Amino acid sequence: MPPTATLLVSCPDQPGLVAKFANFIYANGGNIIHADQHTDFSAGLFLTRIEWQLDGFNLPKDIIGAAFGAIAQPLNAQWQLHFSDEVPRIALWVSKQDHCLLDLMWRQQAGELRAEIPLILSNHEKLGAIAQQFNIDFHHIPITPDTKPQQEAQQLQLLQDYNISLVVLAKYMQVLSADFIQQFPTVINIHHSFLPAFAGANPYQRAYERGVKIIGATAHYVTQDLDQGPIIEQDVVRVSHRDQVPDLIRKGKDLERMVLARAVRLHLHNRVLVYGNRTVVFA
């Protein structure tokens, strides 16, 4: 597919916004191939995703941002600009469970995820052999309460060294500090429950004790508040009184794989726009 540019924009709602953004592309010789929009009336916000072909576009890539910024500033708009021919680099963070790790690597090798995965990071050594199998660099960084600040500094340095643009917590059973999130805010986590229900640890045991009839999985961006970040994707599966905790875990793992893969793909395709603690997903 020919290279494209994508704008994600949010700004206070007012008449004429669609025309302003479309005219910016049209006036510079661009051909829009996808456009979607949403108005959140309660927040008074207009949100849009516009994708257009770069072939024939009159502006060089390195000045598109500055040119659009001149339009966006008077509108008090927040915006992102992405190019399809720039391949993101992902770091996968894990602990001991391998199901989400393997699923993402298989999908990336099959071409389902348009990204490079040069780095796997873990607080345990257990999954190092899998990284070696896929020829991906593996770094073991154990975490304790006393060493957490020093180890997170090492993690941040690795993200910089590998030029990582997205961290995926593929069952990384550690809480990232507020300082880490402030320095590297683009992190996706998979949580093994249908948030906001059963946040925190041991959700399957608590779901079993509560006698739920569905269990779920939630992929969300990580914020300083545990399991409270903007939600990207969710799904559920039915369970019955015959299901024990191991059955819930088995069914839950299937959900976790699918939900996390969908969320990562949506992010990589620049279809998620965060505003406040909510998201618009232009699927």
Protein backbone atom coordinates (compact mmCIF):
# COMPACT_ATOMS: atom_id res chain seq x y z
CA MET A 1 0.00 0.00 0.00
CA PRO A 2 1.36 3.48 -0.83
CA PRO A 3 2.56 5.44 2.23
CA THR A 4 -0.01 7.49 4.12
CA ALA A 5 -0.14 10.14 6.82
CA THR A 6 -2.63 10.07 9.68
CA LEU A 7 -3.80 12.93 11.89
CA LEU A 8 -5.48 12.35 15.24
CA VAL A 9 -7.05 15.56 16.49
CA SER A 10 -9.12 16.64 19.48
CA CYS A 11 -10.27 20.20 20.07
CA PRO A 12 -13.19 22.21 21.43
CA ASP A 13 -16.19 21.65 19.22
CA GLN A 14 -17.20 24.46 16.84
CA PRO A 15 -18.67 24.79 13.35
CA GLY A 16 -16.44 24.24 10.33
CA LEU A 17 -13.83 21.92 11.81
CA VAL A 18 -14.29 19.15 9.25
CA ALA A 19 -13.92 21.67 6.44
CA LYS A 20 -10.79 23.21 7.96
CA PHE A 21 -8.99 19.89 8.36
CA ALA A 22 -10.10 18.48 5.01
CA ASN A 23 -9.16 21.68 3.22
CA PHE A 24 -5.64 21.54 4.66
CA ILE A 25 -5.16 18.21 2.92
CA TYR A 26 -7.01 19.13 -0.28
CA ALA A 27 -5.21 22.47 -0.67
CA ASN A 28 -1.88 20.64 -0.59
CA GLY A 29 -2.85 18.04 -3.18
CA GLY A 30 -3.72 15.22 -0.78
CA ASN A 31 -6.23 12.41 -1.30
CA ILE A 32 -8.13 11.41 1.85
CA ILE A 33 -8.68 7.65 2.04
CA HIS A 34 -10.14 7.35 5.56
CA ALA A 35 -11.93 9.89 7.72
CA ASP A 36 -13.86 9.40 10.94
CA GLN A 37 -15.09 11.72 13.64
CA HIS A 38 -16.91 11.88 16.95
CA THR A 39 -18.34 14.68 19.04
CA ASP A 40 -18.46 14.25 22.80
CA PHE A 41 -21.19 16.71 23.68
CA SER A 42 -20.73 16.29 27.43
CA ALA A 43 -17.08 17.34 27.13
CA GLY A 44 -17.64 19.80 24.29
CA LEU A 45 -14.95 18.09 22.24
CA PHE A 46 -14.61 17.22 18.57
CA LEU A 47 -12.36 14.23 17.83
CA THR A 48 -11.28 13.01 14.41
CA ARG A 49 -8.94 10.67 12.54
CA ILE A 50 -7.96 11.55 8.98
CA GLU A 51 -5.67 9.44 6.79
CA TRP A 52 -4.45 10.48 3.37
CA GLN A 53 -1.99 9.34 0.71
CA LEU A 54 1.45 10.93 0.67
CA ASP A 55 1.95 10.26 -3.04
CA GLY A 56 1.22 13.55 -4.76
CA PHE A 57 1.03 15.52 -1.51
CA ASN A 58 2.77 18.85 -1.99
CA LEU A 59 4.31 19.18 1.48
CA PRO A 60 7.44 17.21 2.46
CA LYS A 61 6.98 14.98 5.48
CA ASP A 62 9.27 17.07 7.66
CA ILE A 63 7.13 20.21 7.39
CA ILE A 64 3.61 18.73 7.49
CA GLY A 65 3.53 19.00 11.27
CA ALA A 66 4.54 22.65 11.35
CA ALA A 67 2.06 23.50 8.60
CA PHE A 68 -0.82 21.78 10.38
CA GLY A 69 0.24 23.28 13.70
CA ALA A 70 -0.47 26.72 12.32
CA ILE A 71 -4.07 25.64 11.77
CA ALA A 72 -4.41 23.72 15.02
CA GLN A 73 -3.09 26.37 17.39
CA PRO A 74 -5.95 28.90 17.00
CA LEU A 75 -8.40 26.02 17.51
CA ASN A 76 -6.75 25.02 20.81
CA ALA A 77 -6.33 21.55 19.30
CA GLN A 78 -4.26 18.64 20.55
CA TRP A 79 -2.99 16.50 17.70
CA GLN A 80 -0.68 13.70 16.60
CA LEU A 81 0.82 13.06 13.17
CA HIS A 82 1.89 9.55 12.08
CA PHE A 83 3.36 8.09 8.89
CA SER A 84 2.66 4.54 7.73
CA ASP A 85 6.18 4.01 6.39
CA GLU A 86 7.73 4.58 9.83
CA VAL A 87 7.68 1.21 11.60
CA PRO A 88 7.26 1.41 15.41
CA ARG A 89 9.58 -0.53 17.71
CA ILE A 90 7.95 -2.41 20.61
CA ALA A 91 9.38 -3.72 23.86
CA LEU A 92 7.51 -6.66 25.42
CA TRP A 93 7.69 -6.89 29.20
CA VAL A 94 6.90 -10.19 30.90
CA SER A 95 7.24 -12.06 34.19
CA LYS A 96 6.66 -15.84 34.14
CA GLN A 97 3.54 -16.37 31.98
CA ASP A 98 4.22 -16.81 28.28
CA HIS A 99 0.81 -16.92 26.57
CA CYS A 100 0.56 -13.22 25.65
CA LEU A 101 4.25 -13.03 24.78
CA LEU A 102 4.08 -15.95 22.35
CA ASP A 103 0.85 -14.72 20.79
CA LEU A 104 2.26 -11.26 20.03
CA MET A 105 5.48 -12.64 18.60
CA TRP A 106 3.64 -15.12 16.38
CA ARG A 107 1.35 -12.36 15.13
CA GLN A 108 4.31 -10.09 14.43
CA GLN A 109 6.10 -12.82 12.48
CA ALA A 110 2.91 -13.52 10.51
CA GLY A 111 2.68 -9.87 9.52
CA GLU A 112 -0.42 -9.11 11.60
CA LEU A 113 1.39 -6.48 13.67
CA ARG A 114 3.25 -3.83 11.69
CA ALA A 115 6.09 -3.34 14.15
CA GLU A 116 9.54 -4.48 15.11
CA ILE A 117 10.12 -6.30 18.42
CA PRO A 118 13.81 -5.93 19.25
CA LEU A 119 13.55 -6.22 23.05
CA ILE A 120 11.99 -8.47 25.69
CA LEU A 121 12.43 -7.41 29.30
CA SER A 122 11.57 -9.47 32.37
CA ASN A 123 11.91 -9.46 36.12
CA HIS A 124 12.47 -13.24 35.93
CA GLU A 125 14.80 -15.38 33.83
CA LYS A 126 12.22 -18.03 32.94
CA LEU A 127 11.25 -16.77 29.46
CA GLY A 128 14.76 -16.04 28.22
CA ALA A 129 14.77 -19.22 26.12
CA ILE A 130 11.71 -18.02 24.19
CA ALA A 131 13.43 -14.74 23.36
CA GLN A 132 16.44 -16.70 22.14
CA GLN A 133 14.18 -18.89 20.00
CA PHE A 134 12.82 -15.79 18.25
CA ASN A 135 16.26 -14.12 18.09
CA ILE A 136 15.14 -11.18 20.26
CA ASP A 137 17.37 -9.53 22.85
CA PHE A 138 16.37 -10.49 26.40
CA HIS A 139 17.20 -8.45 29.49
CA HIS A 140 16.60 -9.80 32.99
CA ILE A 141 16.08 -6.97 35.48
CA PRO A 142 14.89 -8.25 38.88
CA ILE A 143 12.81 -5.81 40.91
CA THR A 144 12.64 -5.38 44.67
CA PRO A 145 11.17 -2.46 46.63
CA ASP A 146 14.70 -1.35 47.56
CA THR A 147 16.10 -1.52 44.02
CA LYS A 148 13.05 -0.32 42.08
CA PRO A 149 14.28 3.25 41.35
CA GLN A 150 17.69 2.05 40.10
CA GLN A 151 16.18 -0.77 38.05
CA GLU A 152 13.58 1.49 36.46
CA ALA A 153 16.37 3.87 35.47
CA GLN A 154 18.06 0.92 33.75
CA GLN A 155 14.79 0.02 32.02
CA LEU A 156 14.35 3.58 30.76
CA GLN A 157 17.88 3.56 29.42
CA LEU A 158 17.20 0.33 27.52
CA LEU A 159 14.08 1.85 25.96
CA GLN A 160 16.16 4.75 24.77
CA ASP A 161 19.00 2.53 23.52
CA TYR A 162 16.59 0.37 21.49
CA ASN A 163 14.58 3.37 20.23
CA ILE A 164 11.35 1.94 21.64
CA SER A 165 8.10 3.83 21.01
CA LEU A 166 5.68 1.44 22.80
CA VAL A 167 5.97 -0.82 25.83
CA VAL A 168 3.51 -3.71 26.05
CA LEU A 169 3.09 -5.30 29.46
CA ALA A 170 2.37 -8.85 28.27
CA LYS A 171 1.69 -10.17 31.79
CA TYR A 172 4.40 -8.17 33.53
CA MET A 173 3.37 -8.58 37.13
CA GLN A 174 4.90 -5.40 38.47
CA VAL A 175 3.49 -1.93 39.11
CA LEU A 176 5.31 0.84 37.26
CA SER A 177 6.16 3.89 39.34
CA ALA A 178 4.65 7.31 38.71
CA ASP A 179 8.11 8.59 37.82
CA PHE A 180 8.52 5.92 35.15
CA ILE A 181 5.11 6.68 33.61
CA GLN A 182 5.91 10.37 33.55
CA GLN A 183 9.10 9.73 31.60
CA PHE A 184 7.65 7.03 29.30
CA PRO A 185 3.85 7.31 29.11
CA THR A 186 3.14 5.05 26.10
CA VAL A 187 2.51 1.72 27.83
CA ILE A 188 -0.28 -0.82 27.19
CA ASN A 189 -1.25 -3.35 29.85
CA ILE A 190 -3.48 -6.43 29.75
CA HIS A 191 -5.55 -6.95 32.89
CA HIS A 192 -7.22 -10.27 33.57
CA SER A 193 -10.69 -8.98 34.37
CA PHE A 194 -13.41 -6.85 32.86
CA LEU A 195 -12.44 -3.54 34.45
CA PRO A 196 -13.54 -1.78 36.57
CA ALA A 197 -14.57 -5.08 38.20
CA PHE A 198 -11.88 -7.01 40.11
CA ALA A 199 -9.02 -4.55 39.72
CA GLY A 200 -5.71 -5.54 41.28
CA ALA A 201 -4.45 -9.03 42.05
CA ASN A 202 -6.15 -12.47 41.91
CA PRO A 203 -9.24 -11.45 39.90
CA TYR A 204 -10.11 -15.01 38.84
CA GLN A 205 -10.20 -16.24 42.43
CA ARG A 206 -12.34 -13.28 43.44
CA ALA A 207 -14.61 -13.77 40.41
CA TYR A 208 -15.08 -17.44 41.34
CA GLU A 209 -15.91 -16.53 44.93
CA ARG A 210 -18.43 -13.98 43.70
CA GLY A 211 -20.10 -16.54 41.42
CA VAL A 212 -19.91 -14.45 38.26
CA LYS A 213 -21.46 -15.67 35.00
CA ILE A 214 -18.99 -13.89 32.72
CA ILE A 215 -15.29 -13.15 32.99
CA GLY A 216 -13.39 -10.65 30.91
CA ALA A 217 -10.09 -9.10 29.94
CA THR A 218 -9.17 -5.44 29.51
CA ALA A 219 -6.34 -3.78 27.60
CA HIS A 220 -5.64 -0.22 28.70
CA TYR A 221 -3.00 2.46 28.71
CA VAL A 222 -1.04 2.58 31.94
CA THR A 223 -1.35 5.60 34.21
CA GLN A 224 -0.18 6.40 37.70
CA ASP A 225 -3.42 4.92 39.10
CA LEU A 226 -3.34 1.11 39.16
CA ASP A 227 -5.64 -0.46 36.53
CA GLN A 228 -7.42 2.88 36.02
CA GLY A 229 -5.96 3.98 32.67
CA PRO A 230 -7.92 4.71 29.47
CA ILE A 231 -9.44 1.49 28.12
CA ILE A 232 -8.61 0.44 24.55
CA GLU A 233 -10.27 -2.97 24.18
CA GLN A 234 -12.34 -5.43 26.24
CA ASP A 235 -14.07 -8.76 25.77
CA VAL A 236 -15.92 -11.36 27.84
CA VAL A 237 -16.70 -15.08 27.86
CA ARG A 238 -19.46 -16.90 29.72
CA VAL A 239 -18.69 -19.21 32.63
CA SER A 240 -20.97 -21.47 34.67
CA HIS A 241 -21.29 -22.94 38.14
CA ARG A 242 -19.34 -25.97 36.89
CA ASP A 243 -16.22 -23.89 36.20
CA GLN A 244 -13.55 -23.94 38.88
CA VAL A 245 -10.75 -21.37 39.23
CA PRO A 246 -8.44 -23.28 36.81
CA ASP A 247 -11.23 -23.21 34.21
CA LEU A 248 -11.63 -19.48 34.64
CA ILE A 249 -7.88 -19.01 34.25
CA ARG A 250 -7.81 -21.14 31.07
CA LYS A 251 -10.70 -19.26 29.50
CA GLY A 252 -9.27 -15.98 30.69
CA LYS A 253 -5.91 -16.60 29.04
CA ASP A 254 -7.62 -17.04 25.68
CA LEU A 255 -9.34 -13.70 26.18
CA GLU A 256 -6.15 -11.98 27.31
CA ARG A 257 -4.34 -13.00 24.12
CA MET A 258 -7.08 -11.74 21.82
CA VAL A 259 -7.82 -8.52 23.68
CA LEU A 260 -4.16 -7.53 23.99
CA ALA A 261 -3.46 -8.26 20.32
CA ARG A 262 -6.45 -6.16 19.23
CA ALA A 263 -5.38 -3.27 21.44
CA VAL A 264 -1.78 -3.32 20.20
CA ARG A 265 -2.96 -3.47 16.58
CA LEU A 266 -5.33 -0.53 17.10
CA HIS A 267 -2.54 1.49 18.65
CA LEU A 268 -0.09 0.64 15.87
CA HIS A 269 -2.66 1.67 13.24
CA ASN A 270 -3.12 5.00 15.05
CA ARG A 271 -6.81 4.39 15.69
CA VAL A 272 -6.91 5.25 19.40
CA LEU A 273 -7.38 8.82 20.58
CA VAL A 274 -7.11 9.45 24.32
CA TYR A 275 -8.87 12.35 25.98
CA GLY A 276 -9.04 12.61 29.74
CA ASN A 277 -9.32 9.06 31.02
CA ARG A 278 -11.36 7.88 28.03
CA THR A 279 -10.63 6.79 24.48
CA VAL A 280 -12.24 7.05 21.09
CA VAL A 281 -11.34 3.99 19.02
CA PHE A 282 -11.71 4.60 15.29
CA ALA A 283 -11.98 0.94 14.34
